[in-house]
């Protein structure tokens, strides 16, 4: 099965902009895109494609989406807004692959907080 992935350019031009347009808050503004640690961002974006011994570590769309979301939150590549950027990226990744979440906004918020507070 073939998947459409999020790369750094897509992250900047689509995902980050969606996060700023829809999830930004005055009391906790989302950092500009160029305020990120490149290695942490690239690591998170590449993890869904990871292989070992020519076997995909995350073969299903659900696994790829989950590890992308988790790693963007846990790697914390941006100065601020990582949970919101991860949520926007998750939604874009799923849309690129013709899927959508049924979760409400407050459910997505709670999931992001849960991931952020979880042990690695």
PDB file of N, CA and C in Angstrom:
ATOM      1  N   UNK A   1       0.846  -1.187   0.000  1.00  0.00           N
ATOM      2  CA  UNK A   1       0.000   0.000   0.000  1.00  0.00           C
ATOM      3  C   UNK A   1       0.888   1.245   0.000  1.00  0.00           C
ATOM      4  N   UNK A   2       0.476   2.246  -0.709  1.00  0.00           N
ATOM      5  CA  UNK A   2       1.225   3.491  -0.838  1.00  0.00           C
ATOM      6  C   UNK A   2       0.607   4.576   0.042  1.00  0.00           C
ATOM      7  N   UNK A   3       1.476   5.369   0.665  1.00  0.00           N
ATOM      8  CA  UNK A   3       1.011   6.444   1.541  1.00  0.00           C
ATOM      9  C   UNK A   3       1.597   7.774   1.095  1.00  0.00           C
ATOM     10  N   UNK A   4       0.875   8.840   1.365  1.00  0.00           N
ATOM     11  CA  UNK A   4       1.384  10.193   1.166  1.00  0.00           C
ATOM     12  C   UNK A   4       1.860  10.703   2.516  1.00  0.00           C
ATOM     13  N   UNK A   5       3.121  11.139   2.557  1.00  0.00           N
ATOM     14  CA  UNK A   5       3.739  11.565   3.807  1.00  0.00           C
ATOM     15  C   UNK A   5       3.836  13.082   3.890  1.00  0.00           C
ATOM     16  N   UNK A   6       4.082  13.550   5.081  1.00  0.00           N
ATOM     17  CA  UNK A   6       4.297  14.974   5.332  1.00  0.00           C
ATOM     18  C   UNK A   6       5.800  15.224   5.306  1.00  0.00           C
ATOM     19  N   UNK A   7       6.240  16.164   4.481  1.00  0.00           N
ATOM     20  CA  UNK A   7       7.646  16.554   4.491  1.00  0.00           C
ATOM     21  C   UNK A   7       7.758  17.947   5.109  1.00  0.00           C
ATOM     22  N   UNK A   8       8.966  18.438   5.207  1.00  0.00           N
ATOM     23  CA  UNK A   8       9.189  19.727   5.871  1.00  0.00           C
ATOM     24  C   UNK A   8       8.472  20.870   5.149  1.00  0.00           C
ATOM     25  N   UNK A   9       8.482  20.848   3.831  1.00  0.00           N
ATOM     26  CA  UNK A   9       7.810  21.903   3.065  1.00  0.00           C
ATOM     27  C   UNK A   9       6.299  21.877   3.306  1.00  0.00           C
ATOM     28  N   UNK A  10       5.712  20.694   3.306  1.00  0.00           N
ATOM     29  CA  UNK A  10       4.278  20.561   3.585  1.00  0.00           C
ATOM     30  C   UNK A  10       3.974  21.015   5.004  1.00  0.00           C
ATOM     31  N   UNK A  11       4.862  20.674   5.911  1.00  0.00           N
ATOM     32  CA  UNK A  11       4.694  21.108   7.300  1.00  0.00           C
ATOM     33  C   UNK A  11       4.642  22.635   7.376  1.00  0.00           C
ATOM     34  N   UNK A  12       5.564  23.291   6.686  1.00  0.00           N
ATOM     35  CA  UNK A  12       5.619  24.753   6.729  1.00  0.00           C
ATOM     36  C   UNK A  12       4.438  25.397   6.001  1.00  0.00           C
ATOM     37  N   UNK A  13       4.161  24.946   4.787  1.00  0.00           N
ATOM     38  CA  UNK A  13       3.169  25.610   3.935  1.00  0.00           C
ATOM     39  C   UNK A  13       1.722  25.275   4.288  1.00  0.00           C
ATOM     40  N   UNK A  14       1.484  24.096   4.858  1.00  0.00           N
ATOM     41  CA  UNK A  14       0.106  23.684   5.142  1.00  0.00           C
ATOM     42  C   UNK A  14      -0.140  23.473   6.633  1.00  0.00           C
ATOM     43  N   UNK A  15       0.565  22.525   7.235  1.00  0.00           N
ATOM     44  CA  UNK A  15       0.272  22.125   8.621  1.00  0.00           C
ATOM     45  C   UNK A  15       0.463  23.264   9.616  1.00  0.00           C
ATOM     46  N   UNK A  16       1.607  23.927   9.539  1.00  0.00           N
ATOM     47  CA  UNK A  16       1.882  25.022  10.472  1.00  0.00           C
ATOM     48  C   UNK A  16       0.878  26.155  10.277  1.00  0.00           C
ATOM     49  N   UNK A  17       0.555  26.456   9.035  1.00  0.00           N
ATOM     50  CA  UNK A  17      -0.414  27.534   8.759  1.00  0.00           C
ATOM     51  C   UNK A  17      -1.799  27.196   9.297  1.00  0.00           C
ATOM     52  N   UNK A  18      -2.215  25.946   9.164  1.00  0.00           N
ATOM     53  CA  UNK A  18      -3.504  25.532   9.719  1.00  0.00           C
ATOM     54  C   UNK A  18      -3.482  25.682  11.230  1.00  0.00           C
ATOM     55  N   UNK A  19      -2.397  25.251  11.857  1.00  0.00           N
ATOM     56  CA  UNK A  19      -2.286  25.370  13.314  1.00  0.00           C
ATOM     57  C   UNK A  19      -2.398  26.832  13.745  1.00  0.00           C
ATOM     58  N   UNK A  20      -1.707  27.717  13.051  1.00  0.00           N
ATOM     59  CA  UNK A  20      -1.755  29.144  13.395  1.00  0.00           C
ATOM     60  C   UNK A  20      -3.144  29.716  13.135  1.00  0.00           C
ATOM     61  N   UNK A  21      -3.733  29.406  11.985  1.00  0.00           N
ATOM     62  CA  UNK A  21      -5.037  29.966  11.620  1.00  0.00           C
ATOM     63  C   UNK A  21      -6.174  29.483  12.514  1.00  0.00           C
ATOM     64  N   UNK A  22      -6.105  28.235  12.958  1.00  0.00           N
ATOM     65  CA  UNK A  22      -7.236  27.664  13.696  1.00  0.00           C
ATOM     66  C   UNK A  22      -6.992  27.412  15.179  1.00  0.00           C
ATOM     67  N   UNK A  23      -5.741  27.253  15.577  1.00  0.00           N
ATOM     68  CA  UNK A  23      -5.473  26.864  16.962  1.00  0.00           C
ATOM     69  C   UNK A  23      -4.663  27.881  17.755  1.00  0.00           C
ATOM     70  N   UNK A  24      -4.243  28.974  17.137  1.00  0.00           N
ATOM     71  CA  UNK A  24      -3.405  29.949  17.838  1.00  0.00           C
ATOM     72  C   UNK A  24      -4.201  30.671  18.918  1.00  0.00           C
ATOM     73  N   UNK A  25      -3.531  30.960  20.030  1.00  0.00           N
ATOM     74  CA  UNK A  25      -4.159  31.683  21.141  1.00  0.00           C
ATOM     75  C   UNK A  25      -3.220  32.797  21.580  1.00  0.00           C
ATOM     76  N   UNK A  26      -3.794  33.949  21.917  1.00  0.00           N
ATOM     77  CA  UNK A  26      -2.979  35.089  22.331  1.00  0.00           C
ATOM     78  C   UNK A  26      -2.106  34.772  23.534  1.00  0.00           C
ATOM     79  N   UNK A  27      -2.671  34.032  24.508  1.00  0.00           N
ATOM     80  CA  UNK A  27      -1.914  33.749  25.730  1.00  0.00           C
ATOM     81  C   UNK A  27      -0.797  32.719  25.509  1.00  0.00           C
ATOM     82  N   UNK A  28      -0.899  31.926  24.460  1.00  0.00           N
ATOM     83  CA  UNK A  28       0.131  30.934  24.122  1.00  0.00           C
ATOM     84  C   UNK A  28       0.288  30.875  22.609  1.00  0.00           C
ATOM     85  N   UNK A  29       0.928  31.884  22.022  1.00  0.00           N
ATOM     86  CA  UNK A  29       1.031  31.912  20.558  1.00  0.00           C
ATOM     87  C   UNK A  29       1.909  30.779  20.023  1.00  0.00           C
ATOM     88  N   UNK A  30       1.561  30.311  18.851  1.00  0.00           N
ATOM     89  CA  UNK A  30       2.368  29.298  18.173  1.00  0.00           C
ATOM     90  C   UNK A  30       3.603  29.987  17.602  1.00  0.00           C
ATOM     91  N   UNK A  31       4.740  29.377  17.826  1.00  0.00           N
ATOM     92  CA  UNK A  31       6.003  29.937  17.348  1.00  0.00           C
ATOM     93  C   UNK A  31       6.029  29.971  15.820  1.00  0.00           C
ATOM     94  N   UNK A  32       6.722  30.957  15.238  1.00  0.00           N
ATOM     95  CA  UNK A  32       6.891  30.969  13.779  1.00  0.00           C
ATOM     96  C   UNK A  32       7.565  29.673  13.321  1.00  0.00           C
ATOM     97  N   UNK A  33       7.319  29.285  12.087  1.00  0.00           N
ATOM     98  CA  UNK A  33       7.844  28.008  11.603  1.00  0.00           C
ATOM     99  C   UNK A  33       9.359  27.920  11.723  1.00  0.00           C
ATOM    100  N   UNK A  34      10.053  29.007  11.437  1.00  0.00           N
ATOM    101  CA  UNK A  34      11.518  28.939  11.469  1.00  0.00           C
ATOM    102  C   UNK A  34      12.096  28.871  12.882  1.00  0.00           C
ATOM    103  N   UNK A  35      11.251  28.889  13.898  1.00  0.00           N
ATOM    104  CA  UNK A  35      11.692  28.736  15.286  1.00  0.00           C
ATOM    105  C   UNK A  35      11.535  27.273  15.705  1.00  0.00           C
ATOM    106  N   UNK A  36      12.264  26.415  15.046  1.00  0.00           N
ATOM    107  CA  UNK A  36      12.212  24.987  15.373  1.00  0.00           C
ATOM    108  C   UNK A  36      13.617  24.403  15.327  1.00  0.00           C
ATOM    109  N   UNK A  37      13.762  23.255  15.956  1.00  0.00           N
ATOM    110  CA  UNK A  37      15.011  22.502  15.894  1.00  0.00           C
ATOM    111  C   UNK A  37      14.876  21.516  14.741  1.00  0.00           C
ATOM    112  N   UNK A  38      15.648  21.744  13.700  1.00  0.00           N
ATOM    113  CA  UNK A  38      15.498  20.978  12.466  1.00  0.00           C
ATOM    114  C   UNK A  38      15.638  19.472  12.675  1.00  0.00           C
ATOM    115  N   UNK A  39      16.618  19.043  13.455  1.00  0.00           N
ATOM    116  CA  UNK A  39      16.841  17.608  13.658  1.00  0.00           C
ATOM    117  C   UNK A  39      15.641  16.945  14.328  1.00  0.00           C
ATOM    118  N   UNK A  40      15.034  17.627  15.282  1.00  0.00           N
ATOM    119  CA  UNK A  40      13.870  17.066  15.976  1.00  0.00           C
ATOM    120  C   UNK A  40      12.654  17.004  15.052  1.00  0.00           C
ATOM    121  N   UNK A  41      12.489  18.025  14.224  1.00  0.00           N
ATOM    122  CA  UNK A  41      11.376  18.034  13.276  1.00  0.00           C
ATOM    123  C   UNK A  41      11.563  16.949  12.216  1.00  0.00           C
ATOM    124  N   UNK A  42      12.746  16.879  11.630  1.00  0.00           N
ATOM    125  CA  UNK A  42      13.013  15.867  10.601  1.00  0.00           C
ATOM    126  C   UNK A  42      12.850  14.455  11.164  1.00  0.00           C
ATOM    127  N   UNK A  43      13.305  14.249  12.383  1.00  0.00           N
ATOM    128  CA  UNK A  43      13.161  12.940  13.025  1.00  0.00           C
ATOM    129  C   UNK A  43      11.694  12.544  13.135  1.00  0.00           C
ATOM    130  N   UNK A  44      10.867  13.465  13.591  1.00  0.00           N
ATOM    131  CA  UNK A  44       9.434  13.184  13.743  1.00  0.00           C
ATOM    132  C   UNK A  44       8.767  12.939  12.391  1.00  0.00           C
ATOM    133  N   UNK A  45       9.116  13.733  11.392  1.00  0.00           N
ATOM    134  CA  UNK A  45       8.499  13.588  10.071  1.00  0.00           C
ATOM    135  C   UNK A  45       8.924  12.298   9.366  1.00  0.00           C
ATOM    136  N   UNK A  46      10.128  11.819   9.650  1.00  0.00           N
ATOM    137  CA  UNK A  46      10.622  10.608   8.992  1.00  0.00           C
ATOM    138  C   UNK A  46      10.246   9.321   9.709  1.00  0.00           C
ATOM    139  N   UNK A  47       9.860   9.394  10.960  1.00  0.00           N
ATOM    140  CA  UNK A  47       9.568   8.184  11.726  1.00  0.00           C
ATOM    141  C   UNK A  47       8.478   7.299  11.104  1.00  0.00           C
ATOM    142  N   UNK A  48       7.406   7.845  10.537  1.00  0.00           N
ATOM    143  CA  UNK A  48       6.392   6.968   9.928  1.00  0.00           C
ATOM    144  C   UNK A  48       6.916   6.107   8.776  1.00  0.00           C
ATOM    145  N   UNK A  49       8.044   6.483   8.186  1.00  0.00           N
ATOM    146  CA  UNK A  49       8.641   5.732   7.072  1.00  0.00           C
ATOM    147  C   UNK A  49       9.699   4.732   7.539  1.00  0.00           C
ATOM    148  N   UNK A  50       9.953   4.667   8.828  1.00  0.00           N
ATOM    149  CA  UNK A  50      11.061   3.868   9.363  1.00  0.00           C
ATOM    150  C   UNK A  50      10.931   2.389   9.003  1.00  0.00           C
ATOM    151  N   UNK A  51      12.091   1.795   8.716  1.00  0.00           N
ATOM    152  CA  UNK A  51      12.152   0.368   8.412  1.00  0.00           C
ATOM    153  C   UNK A  51      13.282  -0.267   9.217  1.00  0.00           C
ATOM    154  N   UNK A  52      13.213  -1.576   9.346  1.00  0.00           N
ATOM    155  CA  UNK A  52      14.288  -2.364   9.940  1.00  0.00           C
ATOM    156  C   UNK A  52      14.322  -3.686   9.192  1.00  0.00           C
ATOM    157  N   UNK A  53      15.478  -4.010   8.622  1.00  0.00           N
ATOM    158  CA  UNK A  53      15.568  -5.239   7.846  1.00  0.00           C
ATOM    159  C   UNK A  53      14.586  -5.281   6.693  1.00  0.00           C
ATOM    160  N   UNK A  54      14.398  -4.164   6.037  1.00  0.00           N
ATOM    161  CA  UNK A  54      13.489  -3.996   4.899  1.00  0.00           C
ATOM    162  C   UNK A  54      12.013  -4.196   5.259  1.00  0.00           C
ATOM    163  N   UNK A  55      11.695  -4.173   6.537  1.00  0.00           N
ATOM    164  CA  UNK A  55      10.307  -4.269   6.993  1.00  0.00           C
ATOM    165  C   UNK A  55       9.901  -2.922   7.593  1.00  0.00           C
ATOM    166  N   UNK A  56       8.731  -2.448   7.215  1.00  0.00           N
ATOM    167  CA  UNK A  56       8.235  -1.205   7.799  1.00  0.00           C
ATOM    168  C   UNK A  56       7.943  -1.414   9.284  1.00  0.00           C
ATOM    169  N   UNK A  57       8.394  -0.481  10.106  1.00  0.00           N
ATOM    170  CA  UNK A  57       8.104  -0.561  11.538  1.00  0.00           C
ATOM    171  C   UNK A  57       6.662  -0.164  11.829  1.00  0.00           C
ATOM    172  N   UNK A  58       6.107   0.680  10.977  1.00  0.00           N
ATOM    173  CA  UNK A  58       4.732   1.170  11.142  1.00  0.00           C
ATOM    174  C   UNK A  58       4.004   0.964   9.810  1.00  0.00           C
ATOM    175  N   UNK A  59       3.535  -0.251   9.535  1.00  0.00           N
ATOM    176  CA  UNK A  59       2.996  -0.553   8.206  1.00  0.00           C
ATOM    177  C   UNK A  59       1.605   0.001   7.902  1.00  0.00           C
ATOM    178  N   UNK A  60       0.778   0.216   8.905  1.00  0.00           N
ATOM    179  CA  UNK A  60      -0.593   0.668   8.637  1.00  0.00           C
ATOM    180  C   UNK A  60      -0.705   2.189   8.729  1.00  0.00           C
ATOM    181  N   UNK A  61      -1.735   2.718   8.116  1.00  0.00           N
ATOM    182  CA  UNK A  61      -1.981   4.155   8.199  1.00  0.00           C
ATOM    183  C   UNK A  61      -2.183   4.578   9.652  1.00  0.00           C
ATOM    184  N   UNK A  62      -2.904   3.786  10.409  1.00  0.00           N
ATOM    185  CA  UNK A  62      -3.146   4.105  11.820  1.00  0.00           C
ATOM    186  C   UNK A  62      -1.830   4.186  12.592  1.00  0.00           C
ATOM    187  N   UNK A  63      -0.933   3.246  12.361  1.00  0.00           N
ATOM    188  CA  UNK A  63       0.359   3.259  13.055  1.00  0.00           C
ATOM    189  C   UNK A  63       1.211   4.447  12.618  1.00  0.00           C
ATOM    190  N   UNK A  64       1.214   4.741  11.330  1.00  0.00           N
ATOM    191  CA  UNK A  64       1.985   5.867  10.814  1.00  0.00           C
ATOM    192  C   UNK A  64       1.457   7.187  11.378  1.00  0.00           C
ATOM    193  N   UNK A  65       0.144   7.348  11.380  1.00  0.00           N
ATOM    194  CA  UNK A  65      -0.463   8.568  11.916  1.00  0.00           C
ATOM    195  C   UNK A  65      -0.167   8.703  13.404  1.00  0.00           C
ATOM    196  N   UNK A  66      -0.267   7.605  14.123  1.00  0.00           N
ATOM    197  CA  UNK A  66      -0.027   7.626  15.571  1.00  0.00           C
ATOM    198  C   UNK A  66       1.404   8.005  15.904  1.00  0.00           C
ATOM    199  N   UNK A  67       2.366   7.398  15.212  1.00  0.00           N
ATOM    200  CA  UNK A  67       3.768   7.678  15.519  1.00  0.00           C
ATOM    201  C   UNK A  67       4.152   9.093  15.075  1.00  0.00           C
ATOM    202  N   UNK A  68       3.559   9.591  14.019  1.00  0.00           N
ATOM    203  CA  UNK A  68       3.800  10.972  13.592  1.00  0.00           C
ATOM    204  C   UNK A  68       3.305  11.937  14.660  1.00  0.00           C
ATOM    205  N   UNK A  69       2.086  11.743  15.094  1.00  0.00           N
ATOM    206  CA  UNK A  69       1.470  12.595  16.119  1.00  0.00           C
ATOM    207  C   UNK A  69       2.276  12.545  17.415  1.00  0.00           C
ATOM    208  N   UNK A  70       2.576  11.337  17.873  1.00  0.00           N
ATOM    209  CA  UNK A  70       3.319  11.138  19.115  1.00  0.00           C
ATOM    210  C   UNK A  70       4.700  11.797  19.039  1.00  0.00           C
ATOM    211  N   UNK A  71       5.418  11.557  17.955  1.00  0.00           N
ATOM    212  CA  UNK A  71       6.786  12.069  17.863  1.00  0.00           C
ATOM    213  C   UNK A  71       6.833  13.587  17.709  1.00  0.00           C
ATOM    214  N   UNK A  72       5.849  14.181  17.053  1.00  0.00           N
ATOM    215  CA  UNK A  72       5.827  15.649  16.975  1.00  0.00           C
ATOM    216  C   UNK A  72       5.585  16.265  18.349  1.00  0.00           C
ATOM    217  N   UNK A  73       4.766  15.622  19.151  1.00  0.00           N
ATOM    218  CA  UNK A  73       4.513  16.136  20.500  1.00  0.00           C
ATOM    219  C   UNK A  73       5.718  15.884  21.399  1.00  0.00           C
ATOM    220  N   UNK A  74       6.235  14.667  21.398  1.00  0.00           N
ATOM    221  CA  UNK A  74       7.321  14.301  22.306  1.00  0.00           C
ATOM    222  C   UNK A  74       8.669  14.900  21.913  1.00  0.00           C
ATOM    223  N   UNK A  75       8.957  15.005  20.622  1.00  0.00           N
ATOM    224  CA  UNK A  75      10.226  15.601  20.192  1.00  0.00           C
ATOM    225  C   UNK A  75      10.281  17.090  20.500  1.00  0.00           C
ATOM    226  N   UNK A  76       9.118  17.725  20.547  1.00  0.00           N
ATOM    227  CA  UNK A  76       9.015  19.152  20.876  1.00  0.00           C
ATOM    228  C   UNK A  76       9.942  20.000  19.992  1.00  0.00           C
ATOM    229  N   UNK A  77       9.786  19.918  18.655  1.00  0.00           N
ATOM    230  CA  UNK A  77      10.693  20.654  17.776  1.00  0.00           C
ATOM    231  C   UNK A  77      10.463  22.169  17.735  1.00  0.00           C
ATOM    232  N   UNK A  78       9.285  22.630  18.123  1.00  0.00           N
ATOM    233  CA  UNK A  78       8.976  24.062  18.077  1.00  0.00           C
ATOM    234  C   UNK A  78       9.077  24.685  19.462  1.00  0.00           C
ATOM    235  N   UNK A  79       9.322  25.983  19.502  1.00  0.00           N
ATOM    236  CA  UNK A  79       9.419  26.695  20.777  1.00  0.00           C
ATOM    237  C   UNK A  79       8.109  26.637  21.551  1.00  0.00           C
ATOM    238  N   UNK A  80       7.000  26.685  20.847  1.00  0.00           N
ATOM    239  CA  UNK A  80       5.680  26.645  21.484  1.00  0.00           C
ATOM    240  C   UNK A  80       4.663  26.159  20.451  1.00  0.00           C
ATOM    241  N   UNK A  81       3.598  25.539  20.933  1.00  0.00           N
ATOM    242  CA  UNK A  81       2.521  25.115  20.051  1.00  0.00           C
ATOM    243  C   UNK A  81       2.679  23.718  19.484  1.00  0.00           C
ATOM    244  N   UNK A  82       3.544  22.912  20.057  1.00  0.00           N
ATOM    245  CA  UNK A  82       3.808  21.578  19.508  1.00  0.00           C
ATOM    246  C   UNK A  82       2.574  20.683  19.459  1.00  0.00           C
ATOM    247  N   UNK A  83       1.750  20.707  20.483  1.00  0.00           N
ATOM    248  CA  UNK A  83       0.540  19.870  20.486  1.00  0.00           C
ATOM    249  C   UNK A  83      -0.428  20.331  19.402  1.00  0.00           C
ATOM    250  N   UNK A  84      -0.570  21.625  19.236  1.00  0.00           N
ATOM    251  CA  UNK A  84      -1.474  22.159  18.215  1.00  0.00           C
ATOM    252  C   UNK A  84      -0.939  21.911  16.808  1.00  0.00           C
ATOM    253  N   UNK A  85       0.365  22.057  16.632  1.00  0.00           N
ATOM    254  CA  UNK A  85       0.975  21.777  15.331  1.00  0.00           C
ATOM    255  C   UNK A  85       0.868  20.285  15.019  1.00  0.00           C
ATOM    256  N   UNK A  86       1.083  19.437  16.017  1.00  0.00           N
ATOM    257  CA  UNK A  86       0.962  17.984  15.824  1.00  0.00           C
ATOM    258  C   UNK A  86      -0.464  17.609  15.435  1.00  0.00           C
ATOM    259  N   UNK A  87      -1.439  18.248  16.052  1.00  0.00           N
ATOM    260  CA  UNK A  87      -2.842  17.962  15.731  1.00  0.00           C
ATOM    261  C   UNK A  87      -3.158  18.371  14.293  1.00  0.00           C
ATOM    262  N   UNK A  88      -2.717  19.556  13.888  1.00  0.00           N
ATOM    263  CA  UNK A  88      -2.934  19.996  12.504  1.00  0.00           C
ATOM    264  C   UNK A  88      -2.238  19.052  11.526  1.00  0.00           C
ATOM    265  N   UNK A  89      -1.031  18.627  11.861  1.00  0.00           N
ATOM    266  CA  UNK A  89      -0.273  17.720  11.000  1.00  0.00           C
ATOM    267  C   UNK A  89      -0.957  16.364  10.892  1.00  0.00           C
ATOM    268  N   UNK A  90      -1.468  15.860  12.000  1.00  0.00           N
ATOM    269  CA  UNK A  90      -2.210  14.598  11.989  1.00  0.00           C
ATOM    270  C   UNK A  90      -3.405  14.692  11.044  1.00  0.00           C
ATOM    271  N   UNK A  91      -4.162  15.769  11.144  1.00  0.00           N
ATOM    272  CA  UNK A  91      -5.344  15.938  10.295  1.00  0.00           C
ATOM    273  C   UNK A  91      -4.967  16.026   8.815  1.00  0.00           C
ATOM    274  N   UNK A  92      -3.893  16.742   8.511  1.00  0.00           N
ATOM    275  CA  UNK A  92      -3.437  16.861   7.120  1.00  0.00           C
ATOM    276  C   UNK A  92      -2.944  15.505   6.607  1.00  0.00           C
ATOM    277  N   UNK A  93      -2.158  14.800   7.416  1.00  0.00           N
ATOM    278  CA  UNK A  93      -1.657  13.482   7.020  1.00  0.00           C
ATOM    279  C   UNK A  93      -2.808  12.533   6.705  1.00  0.00           C
ATOM    280  N   UNK A  94      -3.799  12.505   7.564  1.00  0.00           N
ATOM    281  CA  UNK A  94      -4.955  11.636   7.323  1.00  0.00           C
ATOM    282  C   UNK A  94      -5.718  12.066   6.068  1.00  0.00           C
ATOM    283  N   UNK A  95      -5.905  13.367   5.884  1.00  0.00           N
ATOM    284  CA  UNK A  95      -6.608  13.865   4.696  1.00  0.00           C
ATOM    285  C   UNK A  95      -5.844  13.512   3.416  1.00  0.00           C
ATOM    286  N   UNK A  96      -4.518  13.638   3.445  1.00  0.00           N
ATOM    287  CA  UNK A  96      -3.698  13.261   2.285  1.00  0.00           C
ATOM    288  C   UNK A  96      -3.901  11.793   1.923  1.00  0.00           C
ATOM    289  N   UNK A  97      -4.252  10.995   2.914  1.00  0.00           N
ATOM    290  CA  UNK A  97      -4.439   9.558   2.718  1.00  0.00           C
ATOM    291  C   UNK A  97      -5.913   9.156   2.753  1.00  0.00           C
ATOM    292  N   UNK A  98      -6.779  10.133   2.446  1.00  0.00           N
ATOM    293  CA  UNK A  98      -8.233   9.914   2.315  1.00  0.00           C
ATOM    294  C   UNK A  98      -8.900   9.349   3.563  1.00  0.00           C
ATOM    295  N   UNK A  99      -8.478   9.830   4.721  1.00  0.00           N
ATOM    296  CA  UNK A  99      -9.098   9.427   5.988  1.00  0.00           C
ATOM    297  C   UNK A  99      -9.395  10.677   6.798  1.00  0.00           C
ATOM    298  N   UNK A 100     -10.255  10.524   7.779  1.00  0.00           N
ATOM    299  CA  UNK A 100     -10.616  11.647   8.645  1.00  0.00           C
ATOM    300  C   UNK A 100     -10.924  11.121  10.035  1.00  0.00           C
ATOM    301  N   UNK A 101     -10.722  11.952  11.026  1.00  0.00           N
ATOM    302  CA  UNK A 101     -11.061  11.592  12.402  1.00  0.00           C
ATOM    303  C   UNK A 101     -12.482  12.023  12.713  1.00  0.00           C
ATOM    304  N   UNK A 102     -13.139  11.270  13.554  1.00  0.00           N
ATOM    305  CA  UNK A 102     -14.480  11.626  13.998  1.00  0.00           C
ATOM    306  C   UNK A 102     -14.444  12.354  15.338  1.00  0.00           C
ATOM    307  N   UNK A 103     -13.262  12.483  15.918  1.00  0.00           N
ATOM    308  CA  UNK A 103     -13.112  13.115  17.226  1.00  0.00           C
ATOM    309  C   UNK A 103     -13.516  14.587  17.180  1.00  0.00           C
ATOM    310  N   UNK A 104     -14.063  15.056  18.262  1.00  0.00           N
ATOM    311  CA  UNK A 104     -14.387  16.472  18.417  1.00  0.00           C
ATOM    312  C   UNK A 104     -13.125  17.218  18.855  1.00  0.00           C
ATOM    313  N   UNK A 105     -13.138  18.532  18.735  1.00  0.00           N
ATOM    314  CA  UNK A 105     -11.973  19.350  19.071  1.00  0.00           C
ATOM    315  C   UNK A 105     -11.501  19.116  20.499  1.00  0.00           C
ATOM    316  N   UNK A 106     -12.435  19.030  21.446  1.00  0.00           N
ATOM    317  CA  UNK A 106     -12.023  18.830  22.842  1.00  0.00           C
ATOM    318  C   UNK A 106     -11.399  17.447  23.047  1.00  0.00           C
ATOM    319  N   UNK A 107     -11.833  16.453  22.278  1.00  0.00           N
ATOM    320  CA  UNK A 107     -11.232  15.116  22.365  1.00  0.00           C
ATOM    321  C   UNK A 107      -9.796  15.139  21.833  1.00  0.00           C
ATOM    322  N   UNK A 108      -9.575  15.862  20.753  1.00  0.00           N
ATOM    323  CA  UNK A 108      -8.224  15.992  20.210  1.00  0.00           C
ATOM    324  C   UNK A 108      -7.315  16.722  21.187  1.00  0.00           C
ATOM    325  N   UNK A 109      -7.849  17.740  21.828  1.00  0.00           N
ATOM    326  CA  UNK A 109      -7.077  18.476  22.834  1.00  0.00           C
ATOM    327  C   UNK A 109      -6.677  17.558  23.971  1.00  0.00           C
ATOM    328  N   UNK A 110      -7.616  16.775  24.467  1.00  0.00           N
ATOM    329  CA  UNK A 110      -7.323  15.854  25.573  1.00  0.00           C
ATOM    330  C   UNK A 110      -6.306  14.791  25.165  1.00  0.00           C
ATOM    331  N   UNK A 111      -6.386  14.298  23.941  1.00  0.00           N
ATOM    332  CA  UNK A 111      -5.415  13.307  23.468  1.00  0.00           C
ATOM    333  C   UNK A 111      -4.016  13.915  23.403  1.00  0.00           C
ATOM    334  N   UNK A 112      -3.920  15.130  22.906  1.00  0.00           N
ATOM    335  CA  UNK A 112      -2.616  15.790  22.812  1.00  0.00           C
ATOM    336  C   UNK A 112      -2.014  16.004  24.196  1.00  0.00           C
ATOM    337  N   UNK A 113      -2.827  16.420  25.140  1.00  0.00           N
ATOM    338  CA  UNK A 113      -2.347  16.621  26.514  1.00  0.00           C
ATOM    339  C   UNK A 113      -1.912  15.288  27.118  1.00  0.00           C
ATOM    340  N   UNK A 114      -2.695  14.240  26.877  1.00  0.00           N
ATOM    341  CA  UNK A 114      -2.360  12.914  27.393  1.00  0.00           C
ATOM    342  C   UNK A 114      -1.012  12.441  26.844  1.00  0.00           C
ATOM    343  N   UNK A 115      -0.800  12.618  25.538  1.00  0.00           N
ATOM    344  CA  UNK A 115       0.476  12.224  24.931  1.00  0.00           C
ATOM    345  C   UNK A 115       1.615  13.031  25.542  1.00  0.00           C
ATOM    346  N   UNK A 116       1.429  14.330  25.671  1.00  0.00           N
ATOM    347  CA  UNK A 116       2.486  15.186  26.214  1.00  0.00           C
ATOM    348  C   UNK A 116       2.866  14.788  27.639  1.00  0.00           C
ATOM    349  N   UNK A 117       1.897  14.370  28.428  1.00  0.00           N
ATOM    350  CA  UNK A 117       2.157  13.996  29.825  1.00  0.00           C
ATOM    351  C   UNK A 117       2.635  12.555  29.986  1.00  0.00           C
ATOM    352  N   UNK A 118       2.499  11.749  28.945  1.00  0.00           N
ATOM    353  CA  UNK A 118       2.845  10.330  29.046  1.00  0.00           C
ATOM    354  C   UNK A 118       4.359  10.129  29.159  1.00  0.00           C
ATOM    355  N   UNK A 119       4.724   8.998  29.717  1.00  0.00           N
ATOM    356  CA  UNK A 119       6.142   8.625  29.782  1.00  0.00           C
ATOM    357  C   UNK A 119       6.584   8.140  28.409  1.00  0.00           C
ATOM    358  N   UNK A 120       7.827   8.423  28.043  1.00  0.00           N
ATOM    359  CA  UNK A 120       8.304   8.006  26.709  1.00  0.00           C
ATOM    360  C   UNK A 120       8.327   6.551  26.497  1.00  0.00           C
TER     361      UNK A 120
END
